[in-house]
């Protein structure tokens, strides 16, 4: 119940940013504790929680806190994550108390049902959105809307998520396919392809030498083949 309340308060706090980040931190920690119990400082507990999405969203939140400013776009994956967390909770509540005000409305029930039944599609959407936000930060940097520090921090987190999160790995593949498909169109100006290569080189430069060696030196093929996380 506490987790559900915190995520609702998070949505309400977003427009004015009233302790928004702290609220999410608590909600994510409660999500981890709910699944795995009180934190224990041992290897076994760490191995159990390291693949949990609540834990993985904590460093993402840290980057958002630095980079977001007044930009709501960066909070969208967190919004989707919160929805996926509370949809089953609300669904269970509706099963036991179907006549509760507000949540018993057809509109609310419809969204809760979609969150439960179409969870995999929402997870896919969230993962894709995280990749697109990384590209967005790079593009708007040329407009002065993001900083080099926030871009580097964001892609370091995405590298980590790629290595330990299957959904993130699949998202990079999907985005890569979409970009390659778009760039292959004859009506795409050459300057767009050039910009793509510049962004590709920038991302590639942030990959450490150890991961490049592990990849064996990826060949040509666009941004996602150049960067070690892709």
Protein backbone atom coordinates (compact mmCIF):
# COMPACT_ATOMS: atom_id res chain seq x y z
CA UNK A 1 0.00 0.00 0.00
CA UNK A 2 2.83 2.42 0.86
CA UNK A 3 4.42 1.84 -2.54
CA UNK A 4 1.14 2.52 -4.31
CA UNK A 5 0.56 5.75 -2.37
CA UNK A 6 4.09 6.98 -3.02
CA UNK A 7 3.81 6.49 -6.77
CA UNK A 8 0.49 8.36 -6.82
CA UNK A 9 2.10 11.20 -4.84
CA UNK A 10 4.99 11.16 -7.32
CA UNK A 11 2.61 11.80 -10.23
CA UNK A 12 0.95 14.62 -8.32
CA UNK A 13 4.31 16.18 -7.42
CA UNK A 14 5.71 16.21 -10.98
CA UNK A 15 4.26 19.54 -12.21
CA UNK A 16 5.80 21.52 -9.34
CA UNK A 17 8.70 19.16 -8.49
CA UNK A 18 7.76 19.02 -4.81
CA UNK A 19 10.25 16.52 -3.36
CA UNK A 20 9.67 14.45 -6.50
CA UNK A 21 13.05 12.74 -6.56
CA UNK A 22 12.97 11.83 -2.87
CA UNK A 23 9.50 10.36 -3.26
CA UNK A 24 10.69 8.15 -6.13
CA UNK A 25 13.76 7.02 -4.18
CA UNK A 26 11.58 5.81 -1.33
CA UNK A 27 9.10 4.16 -3.72
CA UNK A 28 11.90 2.30 -5.52
CA UNK A 29 13.54 1.16 -2.28
CA UNK A 30 10.19 -0.08 -0.97
CA UNK A 31 9.76 -1.99 -4.24
CA UNK A 32 13.08 -3.77 -3.68
CA UNK A 33 12.32 -4.52 -0.02
CA UNK A 34 8.87 -5.78 -0.92
CA UNK A 35 10.31 -8.40 -3.28
CA UNK A 36 13.52 -9.39 -1.49
CA UNK A 37 13.11 -8.42 2.14
CA UNK A 38 15.15 -6.11 4.37
CA UNK A 39 18.55 -5.29 2.79
CA UNK A 40 21.38 -7.56 3.87
CA UNK A 41 25.01 -6.70 3.34
CA UNK A 42 26.07 -9.94 1.76
CA UNK A 43 26.85 -11.28 -1.70
CA UNK A 44 23.77 -13.50 -1.91
CA UNK A 45 21.35 -10.61 -1.34
CA UNK A 46 23.16 -8.42 -3.86
CA UNK A 47 23.01 -11.17 -6.47
CA UNK A 48 19.27 -11.44 -5.95
CA UNK A 49 18.47 -7.74 -6.27
CA UNK A 50 20.92 -6.60 -8.95
CA UNK A 51 18.56 -7.54 -11.79
CA UNK A 52 15.51 -5.94 -10.17
CA UNK A 53 14.21 -3.00 -12.18
CA UNK A 54 13.50 -0.95 -9.04
CA UNK A 55 17.17 -1.09 -8.11
CA UNK A 56 18.29 -0.36 -11.67
CA UNK A 57 16.08 2.72 -11.82
CA UNK A 58 17.84 4.29 -8.82
CA UNK A 59 21.01 5.32 -10.73
CA UNK A 60 18.77 6.40 -13.62
CA UNK A 61 16.96 8.68 -11.17
CA UNK A 62 20.30 10.09 -10.05
CA UNK A 63 21.12 11.13 -13.61
CA UNK A 64 17.64 12.58 -14.07
CA UNK A 65 18.05 14.64 -10.90
CA UNK A 66 21.20 16.18 -12.40
CA UNK A 67 20.07 16.52 -16.01
CA UNK A 68 16.33 17.11 -15.92
CA UNK A 69 16.03 20.71 -14.79
CA UNK A 70 12.58 21.66 -16.01
CA UNK A 71 12.40 18.86 -18.54
CA UNK A 72 9.59 16.38 -17.93
CA UNK A 73 10.70 14.14 -20.78
CA UNK A 74 13.44 12.57 -18.67
CA UNK A 75 10.86 11.50 -16.09
CA UNK A 76 8.76 9.54 -18.59
CA UNK A 77 10.52 6.16 -18.05
CA UNK A 78 10.01 6.64 -14.32
CA UNK A 79 6.34 7.41 -14.93
CA UNK A 80 5.96 4.20 -16.93
CA UNK A 81 7.90 2.22 -14.34
CA UNK A 82 5.64 3.52 -11.59
CA UNK A 83 2.57 2.61 -13.62
CA UNK A 84 3.85 -0.93 -14.08
CA UNK A 85 4.51 -1.18 -10.35
CA UNK A 86 1.12 0.03 -9.16
CA UNK A 87 -1.13 -1.46 -11.86
CA UNK A 88 -1.09 -4.96 -10.26
CA UNK A 89 -1.57 -3.41 -6.82
CA UNK A 90 -4.61 -1.44 -7.94
CA UNK A 91 -5.91 -4.49 -9.77
CA UNK A 92 -5.73 -6.54 -6.56
CA UNK A 93 -7.43 -3.73 -4.68
CA UNK A 94 -10.25 -3.66 -7.22
CA UNK A 95 -10.70 -7.40 -6.78
CA UNK A 96 -11.26 -7.02 -3.04
CA UNK A 97 -12.99 -3.62 -3.02
CA UNK A 98 -14.62 -3.12 -6.44
CA UNK A 99 -16.76 -0.17 -5.35
CA UNK A 100 -14.04 2.16 -4.10
CA UNK A 101 -14.52 5.75 -5.36
CA UNK A 102 -12.45 6.92 -8.35
CA UNK A 103 -10.60 3.65 -8.95
CA UNK A 104 -13.89 1.86 -9.61
CA UNK A 105 -14.61 4.16 -12.58
CA UNK A 106 -14.58 2.57 -16.04
CA UNK A 107 -11.80 4.94 -17.14
CA UNK A 108 -9.51 3.99 -14.27
CA UNK A 109 -10.31 0.29 -14.54
CA UNK A 110 -9.49 0.37 -18.23
CA UNK A 111 -5.99 1.70 -17.65
CA UNK A 112 -5.33 -0.70 -14.79
CA UNK A 113 -6.42 -3.59 -16.99
CA UNK A 114 -4.10 -2.44 -19.79
CA UNK A 115 -1.20 -2.15 -17.35
CA UNK A 116 -1.69 -5.72 -16.16
CA UNK A 117 -2.55 -7.42 -19.44
CA UNK A 118 -0.09 -5.52 -21.66
CA UNK A 119 2.84 -5.37 -19.26
CA UNK A 120 5.39 -6.63 -21.78
CA UNK A 121 4.43 -3.92 -24.28
CA UNK A 122 4.77 -1.22 -21.63
CA UNK A 123 8.17 -2.59 -20.58
CA UNK A 124 9.25 -2.48 -24.21
CA UNK A 125 8.00 1.09 -24.51
CA UNK A 126 9.89 2.14 -21.38
CA UNK A 127 13.13 0.54 -22.56
CA UNK A 128 12.88 2.16 -26.00
CA UNK A 129 12.14 5.51 -24.38
CA UNK A 130 15.31 5.31 -22.30
CA UNK A 131 17.39 4.92 -25.46
CA UNK A 132 15.60 7.73 -27.26
CA UNK A 133 16.10 10.04 -24.29
CA UNK A 134 19.84 9.39 -24.48
CA UNK A 135 19.80 10.44 -28.12
CA UNK A 136 17.58 13.40 -27.27
CA UNK A 137 20.09 14.67 -24.70
CA UNK A 138 22.82 14.63 -27.34
CA UNK A 139 20.73 16.42 -29.97
CA UNK A 140 19.52 19.18 -27.62
CA UNK A 141 23.07 19.69 -26.37
CA UNK A 142 23.67 21.55 -29.65
CA UNK A 143 20.81 23.85 -28.61
CA UNK A 144 22.19 24.37 -25.11
CA UNK A 145 19.38 22.40 -23.45
CA UNK A 146 21.60 19.73 -21.89
CA UNK A 147 25.14 19.50 -20.58
CA UNK A 148 28.06 17.30 -21.55
CA UNK A 149 28.21 16.01 -17.98
CA UNK A 150 24.58 14.88 -18.01
CA UNK A 151 25.07 13.17 -21.39
CA UNK A 152 28.12 11.25 -20.19
CA UNK A 153 26.41 10.25 -16.95
CA UNK A 154 23.30 9.12 -18.79
CA UNK A 155 25.18 6.92 -21.25
CA UNK A 156 27.29 5.39 -18.50
CA UNK A 157 24.06 4.30 -16.81
CA UNK A 158 22.68 3.01 -20.11
CA UNK A 159 25.87 1.01 -20.68
CA UNK A 160 25.35 -0.66 -17.32
CA UNK A 161 21.68 -1.36 -18.04
CA UNK A 162 22.61 -2.84 -21.40
CA UNK A 163 24.95 -5.31 -19.72
CA UNK A 164 22.53 -6.52 -17.03
CA UNK A 165 19.06 -5.83 -18.43
CA UNK A 166 17.71 -7.93 -21.31
CA UNK A 167 14.97 -5.40 -22.03
CA UNK A 168 17.52 -2.62 -22.49
CA UNK A 169 19.60 -4.79 -24.79
CA UNK A 170 16.54 -5.53 -26.93
CA UNK A 171 15.65 -1.83 -26.97
CA UNK A 172 19.04 -0.87 -28.42
CA UNK A 173 18.54 -3.44 -31.18
CA UNK A 174 15.07 -2.09 -31.99
CA UNK A 175 16.22 1.53 -32.06
CA UNK A 176 19.22 0.60 -34.19
CA UNK A 177 16.98 -1.10 -36.73
CA UNK A 178 14.64 1.90 -36.86
CA UNK A 179 17.46 4.41 -37.34
CA UNK A 180 19.13 2.34 -40.04
CA UNK A 181 15.80 2.00 -41.82
CA UNK A 182 15.17 5.74 -41.73
CA UNK A 183 18.68 6.67 -42.83
CA UNK A 184 18.46 4.31 -45.78
CA UNK A 185 15.66 6.37 -47.34
CA UNK A 186 16.78 8.32 -50.43
CA UNK A 187 15.07 11.52 -49.29
CA UNK A 188 17.21 11.78 -46.13
CA UNK A 189 19.65 14.71 -46.56
CA UNK A 190 23.34 13.98 -46.36
CA UNK A 191 23.70 16.36 -43.41
CA UNK A 192 21.43 14.11 -41.37
CA UNK A 193 23.62 11.10 -42.09
CA UNK A 194 26.66 13.19 -41.16
CA UNK A 195 25.05 14.22 -37.87
CA UNK A 196 24.24 10.59 -37.18
CA UNK A 197 27.90 9.66 -37.65
CA UNK A 198 28.98 12.52 -35.35
CA UNK A 199 26.64 11.31 -32.64
CA UNK A 200 27.82 7.78 -33.25
CA UNK A 201 31.43 8.79 -32.79
CA UNK A 202 30.60 10.71 -29.63
CA UNK A 203 28.90 7.73 -28.03
CA UNK A 204 31.71 5.46 -29.13
CA UNK A 205 34.28 7.72 -27.45
CA UNK A 206 32.59 7.18 -24.10
CA UNK A 207 33.08 3.42 -24.22
CA UNK A 208 36.03 2.24 -22.15
CA UNK A 209 38.94 0.34 -23.68
CA UNK A 210 38.19 -2.89 -21.82
CA UNK A 211 34.70 -3.15 -23.26
CA UNK A 212 35.99 -2.32 -26.73
CA UNK A 213 38.47 -5.19 -26.45
CA UNK A 214 35.72 -7.49 -25.18
CA UNK A 215 33.65 -6.62 -28.20
CA UNK A 216 36.63 -7.41 -30.44
CA UNK A 217 36.36 -4.13 -32.31
CA UNK A 218 32.91 -3.75 -33.82
CA UNK A 219 32.81 -3.02 -37.49
CA UNK A 220 30.84 -0.48 -39.43
CA UNK A 221 27.11 -0.34 -39.25
CA UNK A 222 26.09 2.85 -37.58
CA UNK A 223 25.97 4.16 -34.10
CA UNK A 224 25.00 0.95 -32.40
CA UNK A 225 27.78 -1.09 -33.90
CA UNK A 226 30.42 1.45 -33.00
CA UNK A 227 29.61 1.88 -29.35
CA UNK A 228 30.56 -0.99 -27.08
CA UNK A 229 27.19 -1.02 -25.36
CA UNK A 230 25.41 -1.52 -28.65
